Amino acid sequence: MRSRPKVVVVVLVLFPLLAASHCFSQDAPENARKILTRVAPQYPSIARSMGIQGSVRAVAFVAPNGTVKSVEVKGGHPMLAEAAQKALRQWKFETTPRESYEIIEIRFAP
């Protein structure tokens, strides 16, 4: 009977880990749309003078015709996020029958 509680503990510990890894793998885009027009962001002069650099991660909601409908910043320095959003709104993707979410990372380096 003592081996049974160990099995339960192992299942309770491993199940959330397996479930979490499954969820993360589904979050990754399977077929990212091809970028037709990529607009480079303007590096904010104050960020450049302060030596701020890094990446901004965002999710772009793209219409079937390839235009970016909205951009949601998921991470990165706030001083760089606005410049990234402004640039991403001007990007153009290939057309597809459906809307899609595209995960994008923009790097800023002086």
N, C-alpha and C. Protein backbone atom coordinates (compact mmCIF):
# COMPACT_ATOMS: atom_id res chain seq x y z
N MET A 1 0.81 -1.20 0.00
CA MET A 1 0.00 0.00 0.00
C MET A 1 0.85 1.26 0.00
N ARG A 2 2.06 1.19 0.47
CA ARG A 2 2.90 2.38 0.53
C ARG A 2 3.36 2.84 -0.85
N SER A 3 3.44 1.96 -1.82
CA SER A 3 3.88 2.37 -3.15
C SER A 3 2.80 3.18 -3.86
N ARG A 4 1.56 3.00 -3.52
CA ARG A 4 0.46 3.72 -4.15
C ARG A 4 0.55 5.24 -3.91
N PRO A 5 0.79 5.73 -2.69
CA PRO A 5 0.92 7.17 -2.51
C PRO A 5 2.07 7.77 -3.31
N LYS A 6 3.15 7.03 -3.50
CA LYS A 6 4.27 7.54 -4.29
C LYS A 6 3.85 7.73 -5.73
N VAL A 7 3.06 6.80 -6.26
CA VAL A 7 2.59 6.91 -7.63
C VAL A 7 1.69 8.13 -7.78
N VAL A 8 0.83 8.35 -6.84
CA VAL A 8 -0.06 9.51 -6.87
C VAL A 8 0.74 10.79 -6.84
N VAL A 9 1.74 10.86 -5.99
CA VAL A 9 2.59 12.04 -5.89
C VAL A 9 3.32 12.28 -7.21
N VAL A 10 3.86 11.25 -7.81
CA VAL A 10 4.57 11.39 -9.09
C VAL A 10 3.62 11.90 -10.16
N VAL A 11 2.41 11.34 -10.23
CA VAL A 11 1.43 11.78 -11.22
C VAL A 11 1.04 13.23 -10.98
N LEU A 12 0.82 13.60 -9.73
CA LEU A 12 0.43 14.97 -9.42
C LEU A 12 1.54 15.98 -9.73
N VAL A 13 2.78 15.56 -9.61
CA VAL A 13 3.91 16.45 -9.91
C VAL A 13 4.16 16.52 -11.41
N LEU A 14 4.13 15.41 -12.11
CA LEU A 14 4.46 15.39 -13.53
C LEU A 14 3.33 15.87 -14.44
N PHE A 15 2.09 15.62 -14.08
CA PHE A 15 0.98 15.98 -14.95
C PHE A 15 0.96 17.47 -15.30
N PRO A 16 1.07 18.37 -14.31
CA PRO A 16 1.07 19.80 -14.67
C PRO A 16 2.24 20.18 -15.59
N LEU A 17 3.39 19.56 -15.39
CA LEU A 17 4.53 19.86 -16.24
C LEU A 17 4.28 19.43 -17.67
N LEU A 18 3.73 18.24 -17.84
CA LEU A 18 3.43 17.75 -19.19
C LEU A 18 2.33 18.58 -19.83
N ALA A 19 1.32 18.94 -19.08
CA ALA A 19 0.23 19.75 -19.62
C ALA A 19 0.74 21.13 -20.02
N ALA A 20 1.61 21.73 -19.20
CA ALA A 20 2.14 23.06 -19.51
C ALA A 20 2.98 23.04 -20.77
N SER A 21 3.82 22.02 -20.94
CA SER A 21 4.65 21.97 -22.13
C SER A 21 3.80 21.78 -23.37
N HIS A 22 2.70 21.07 -23.25
CA HIS A 22 1.79 20.89 -24.38
C HIS A 22 1.15 22.23 -24.76
N CYS A 23 0.76 23.02 -23.78
CA CYS A 23 0.13 24.32 -24.06
C CYS A 23 1.11 25.26 -24.74
N PHE A 24 2.35 25.29 -24.27
CA PHE A 24 3.32 26.19 -24.88
C PHE A 24 3.60 25.81 -26.32
N SER A 25 3.62 24.53 -26.63
CA SER A 25 3.90 24.14 -28.01
C SER A 25 2.77 24.55 -28.93
N GLN A 26 1.54 24.67 -28.42
CA GLN A 26 0.43 25.09 -29.24
C GLN A 26 0.44 26.60 -29.47
N ASP A 27 1.10 27.36 -28.60
CA ASP A 27 1.15 28.81 -28.75
C ASP A 27 2.05 29.24 -29.92
N ALA A 28 3.00 28.40 -30.28
CA ALA A 28 3.93 28.76 -31.35
C ALA A 28 3.21 28.72 -32.70
N PRO A 29 3.48 29.69 -33.56
CA PRO A 29 2.82 29.70 -34.86
C PRO A 29 3.29 28.53 -35.73
N GLU A 30 2.35 27.82 -36.31
CA GLU A 30 2.71 26.69 -37.17
C GLU A 30 3.14 27.17 -38.55
N ASN A 31 2.36 28.05 -39.13
CA ASN A 31 2.66 28.55 -40.47
C ASN A 31 2.67 30.07 -40.43
N ALA A 32 3.79 30.66 -40.08
CA ALA A 32 3.89 32.12 -40.05
C ALA A 32 3.76 32.65 -41.47
N ARG A 33 3.01 33.74 -41.59
CA ARG A 33 2.80 34.34 -42.91
C ARG A 33 4.06 35.05 -43.37
N LYS A 34 4.28 35.05 -44.64
CA LYS A 34 5.45 35.71 -45.23
C LYS A 34 5.25 37.23 -45.16
N ILE A 35 6.32 37.92 -44.77
CA ILE A 35 6.28 39.38 -44.70
C ILE A 35 6.63 39.93 -46.07
N LEU A 36 5.72 40.76 -46.63
CA LEU A 36 5.97 41.36 -47.94
C LEU A 36 6.62 42.74 -47.80
N THR A 37 6.17 43.52 -46.83
CA THR A 37 6.73 44.85 -46.58
C THR A 37 7.08 44.97 -45.12
N ARG A 38 8.36 45.21 -44.84
CA ARG A 38 8.84 45.34 -43.47
C ARG A 38 9.36 46.76 -43.28
N VAL A 39 8.73 47.52 -42.38
CA VAL A 39 9.14 48.89 -42.09
C VAL A 39 9.99 48.87 -40.83
N ALA A 40 11.18 49.42 -40.93
CA ALA A 40 12.09 49.47 -39.77
C ALA A 40 11.61 50.53 -38.79
N PRO A 41 11.64 50.24 -37.50
CA PRO A 41 11.20 51.23 -36.51
C PRO A 41 12.22 52.36 -36.37
N GLN A 42 11.74 53.53 -36.00
CA GLN A 42 12.61 54.66 -35.70
C GLN A 42 13.11 54.49 -34.27
N TYR A 43 14.41 54.42 -34.11
CA TYR A 43 15.00 54.27 -32.77
C TYR A 43 14.75 55.57 -32.02
N PRO A 44 14.03 55.57 -30.90
CA PRO A 44 13.78 56.81 -30.15
C PRO A 44 15.10 57.46 -29.73
N SER A 45 15.24 58.74 -30.04
CA SER A 45 16.51 59.43 -29.76
C SER A 45 16.84 59.44 -28.27
N ILE A 46 15.84 59.57 -27.43
CA ILE A 46 16.12 59.56 -25.98
C ILE A 46 16.61 58.19 -25.53
N ALA A 47 16.04 57.14 -26.11
CA ALA A 47 16.49 55.78 -25.77
C ALA A 47 17.93 55.57 -26.25
N ARG A 48 18.22 56.08 -27.44
CA ARG A 48 19.59 55.97 -27.98
C ARG A 48 20.57 56.72 -27.09
N SER A 49 20.22 57.94 -26.67
CA SER A 49 21.14 58.73 -25.85
C SER A 49 21.34 58.11 -24.47
N MET A 50 20.33 57.37 -23.98
CA MET A 50 20.45 56.71 -22.68
C MET A 50 21.08 55.32 -22.80
N GLY A 51 21.36 54.90 -24.02
CA GLY A 51 21.97 53.58 -24.23
C GLY A 51 21.01 52.43 -24.04
N ILE A 52 19.73 52.69 -24.16
CA ILE A 52 18.72 51.64 -24.00
C ILE A 52 18.65 50.82 -25.28
N GLN A 53 18.76 49.53 -25.11
CA GLN A 53 18.66 48.61 -26.24
C GLN A 53 17.93 47.36 -25.80
N GLY A 54 17.57 46.53 -26.75
CA GLY A 54 16.88 45.29 -26.41
C GLY A 54 15.87 44.92 -27.46
N SER A 55 15.00 44.00 -27.11
CA SER A 55 14.00 43.50 -28.03
C SER A 55 12.60 43.83 -27.53
N VAL A 56 11.71 44.01 -28.48
CA VAL A 56 10.29 44.18 -28.18
C VAL A 56 9.57 43.00 -28.83
N ARG A 57 8.82 42.27 -28.01
CA ARG A 57 8.03 41.14 -28.51
C ARG A 57 6.59 41.60 -28.64
N ALA A 58 5.96 41.27 -29.77
CA ALA A 58 4.60 41.71 -30.01
C ALA A 58 3.84 40.65 -30.80
N VAL A 59 2.52 40.76 -30.72
CA VAL A 59 1.64 39.91 -31.51
C VAL A 59 0.84 40.84 -32.42
N ALA A 60 0.93 40.60 -33.71
CA ALA A 60 0.19 41.39 -34.69
C ALA A 60 -1.01 40.59 -35.17
N PHE A 61 -2.17 41.22 -35.16
CA PHE A 61 -3.39 40.61 -35.68
C PHE A 61 -3.49 41.06 -37.13
N VAL A 62 -3.39 40.09 -38.05
CA VAL A 62 -3.29 40.40 -39.48
C VAL A 62 -4.57 39.97 -40.20
N ALA A 63 -5.11 40.88 -41.00
CA ALA A 63 -6.32 40.63 -41.78
C ALA A 63 -6.01 39.69 -42.94
N PRO A 64 -7.03 39.09 -43.54
CA PRO A 64 -6.79 38.20 -44.69
C PRO A 64 -6.05 38.88 -45.85
N ASN A 65 -6.26 40.20 -46.02
CA ASN A 65 -5.59 40.90 -47.11
C ASN A 65 -4.12 41.24 -46.79
N GLY A 66 -3.66 40.92 -45.58
CA GLY A 66 -2.26 41.11 -45.23
C GLY A 66 -1.95 42.37 -44.44
N THR A 67 -2.95 43.22 -44.22
CA THR A 67 -2.70 44.43 -43.43
C THR A 67 -2.78 44.11 -41.94
N VAL A 68 -2.03 44.85 -41.16
CA VAL A 68 -2.01 44.65 -39.70
C VAL A 68 -3.18 45.44 -39.11
N LYS A 69 -4.08 44.71 -38.44
CA LYS A 69 -5.25 45.33 -37.83
C LYS A 69 -4.95 45.88 -36.44
N SER A 70 -4.11 45.18 -35.68
CA SER A 70 -3.75 45.64 -34.35
C SER A 70 -2.43 45.00 -33.92
N VAL A 71 -1.79 45.64 -32.94
CA VAL A 71 -0.52 45.16 -32.40
C VAL A 71 -0.61 45.20 -30.89
N GLU A 72 -0.23 44.10 -30.25
CA GLU A 72 -0.20 44.05 -28.79
C GLU A 72 1.22 43.70 -28.35
N VAL A 73 1.82 44.60 -27.58
CA VAL A 73 3.18 44.38 -27.08
C VAL A 73 3.12 43.37 -25.93
N LYS A 74 3.98 42.37 -26.00
CA LYS A 74 4.03 41.32 -24.99
C LYS A 74 5.26 41.43 -24.09
N GLY A 75 6.24 42.24 -24.48
CA GLY A 75 7.44 42.38 -23.66
C GLY A 75 8.43 43.31 -24.31
N GLY A 76 9.28 43.89 -23.49
CA GLY A 76 10.31 44.79 -24.00
C GLY A 76 10.29 46.10 -23.23
N HIS A 77 11.29 46.91 -23.46
CA HIS A 77 11.41 48.20 -22.77
C HIS A 77 10.29 49.13 -23.25
N PRO A 78 9.61 49.79 -22.32
CA PRO A 78 8.50 50.69 -22.70
C PRO A 78 8.91 51.82 -23.65
N MET A 79 10.16 52.29 -23.55
CA MET A 79 10.60 53.36 -24.44
C MET A 79 10.71 52.88 -25.89
N LEU A 80 10.90 51.59 -26.08
CA LEU A 80 11.05 51.03 -27.42
C LEU A 80 9.73 50.48 -27.97
N ALA A 81 8.80 50.20 -27.09
CA ALA A 81 7.55 49.55 -27.48
C ALA A 81 6.72 50.38 -28.45
N GLU A 82 6.61 51.68 -28.20
CA GLU A 82 5.80 52.53 -29.07
C GLU A 82 6.37 52.59 -30.48
N ALA A 83 7.69 52.69 -30.59
CA ALA A 83 8.33 52.71 -31.92
C ALA A 83 8.10 51.40 -32.65
N ALA A 84 8.16 50.29 -31.93
CA ALA A 84 7.92 48.99 -32.54
C ALA A 84 6.48 48.88 -33.03
N GLN A 85 5.53 49.30 -32.21
CA GLN A 85 4.12 49.26 -32.60
C GLN A 85 3.86 50.09 -33.84
N LYS A 86 4.40 51.29 -33.87
CA LYS A 86 4.19 52.19 -35.00
C LYS A 86 4.71 51.57 -36.30
N ALA A 87 5.88 50.95 -36.23
CA ALA A 87 6.46 50.30 -37.41
C ALA A 87 5.64 49.08 -37.83
N LEU A 88 5.25 48.26 -36.87
CA LEU A 88 4.52 47.03 -37.18
C LEU A 88 3.17 47.31 -37.84
N ARG A 89 2.54 48.40 -37.48
CA ARG A 89 1.24 48.75 -38.10
C ARG A 89 1.39 49.01 -39.60
N GLN A 90 2.61 49.28 -40.05
CA GLN A 90 2.85 49.56 -41.48
C GLN A 90 3.29 48.32 -42.26
N TRP A 91 3.53 47.22 -41.58
CA TRP A 91 3.97 45.99 -42.26
C TRP A 91 2.84 45.44 -43.11
N LYS A 92 3.22 44.70 -44.13
CA LYS A 92 2.26 44.04 -45.02
C LYS A 92 2.67 42.57 -45.15
N PHE A 93 1.70 41.68 -44.98
CA PHE A 93 1.92 40.24 -45.06
C PHE A 93 1.23 39.68 -46.30
N GLU A 94 1.61 38.46 -46.66
CA GLU A 94 0.96 37.80 -47.78
C GLU A 94 -0.52 37.59 -47.46
N THR A 95 -1.33 37.53 -48.51
CA THR A 95 -2.75 37.31 -48.31
C THR A 95 -3.02 35.83 -48.03
N THR A 96 -4.04 35.60 -47.22
CA THR A 96 -4.49 34.24 -46.89
C THR A 96 -6.01 34.28 -46.75
N PRO A 97 -6.65 33.13 -46.73
CA PRO A 97 -8.11 33.11 -46.59
C PRO A 97 -8.61 33.56 -45.21
N ARG A 98 -7.73 33.51 -44.19
CA ARG A 98 -8.17 33.82 -42.82
C ARG A 98 -7.27 34.84 -42.14
N GLU A 99 -7.80 35.43 -41.08
CA GLU A 99 -7.00 36.30 -40.23
C GLU A 99 -6.01 35.45 -39.45
N SER A 100 -4.94 36.08 -38.98
CA SER A 100 -3.96 35.32 -38.21
C SER A 100 -3.30 36.22 -37.17
N TYR A 101 -2.68 35.58 -36.20
CA TYR A 101 -1.86 36.28 -35.22
C TYR A 101 -0.41 35.92 -35.52
N GLU A 102 0.42 36.93 -35.68
CA GLU A 102 1.83 36.72 -35.98
C GLU A 102 2.68 37.21 -34.80
N ILE A 103 3.54 36.34 -34.31
CA ILE A 103 4.44 36.69 -33.21
C ILE A 103 5.71 37.29 -33.80
N ILE A 104 6.05 38.49 -33.36
CA ILE A 104 7.16 39.23 -33.96
C ILE A 104 8.07 39.76 -32.86
N GLU A 105 9.36 39.73 -33.11
CA GLU A 105 10.34 40.31 -32.20
C GLU A 105 11.18 41.31 -32.98
N ILE A 106 11.25 42.52 -32.47
CA ILE A 106 12.05 43.58 -33.10
C ILE A 106 13.18 43.93 -32.16
N ARG A 107 14.40 43.93 -32.68
CA ARG A 107 15.59 44.24 -31.87
C ARG A 107 16.03 45.68 -32.11
N PHE A 108 16.35 46.33 -31.02
CA PHE A 108 16.88 47.70 -31.07
C PHE A 108 18.30 47.68 -30.53
N ALA A 109 19.23 48.19 -31.32
CA ALA A 109 20.63 48.30 -30.91
C ALA A 109 21.19 49.59 -31.50
N PRO A 110 21.88 50.40 -30.67
CA PRO A 110 22.41 51.67 -31.19
C PRO A 110 23.45 51.49 -32.28
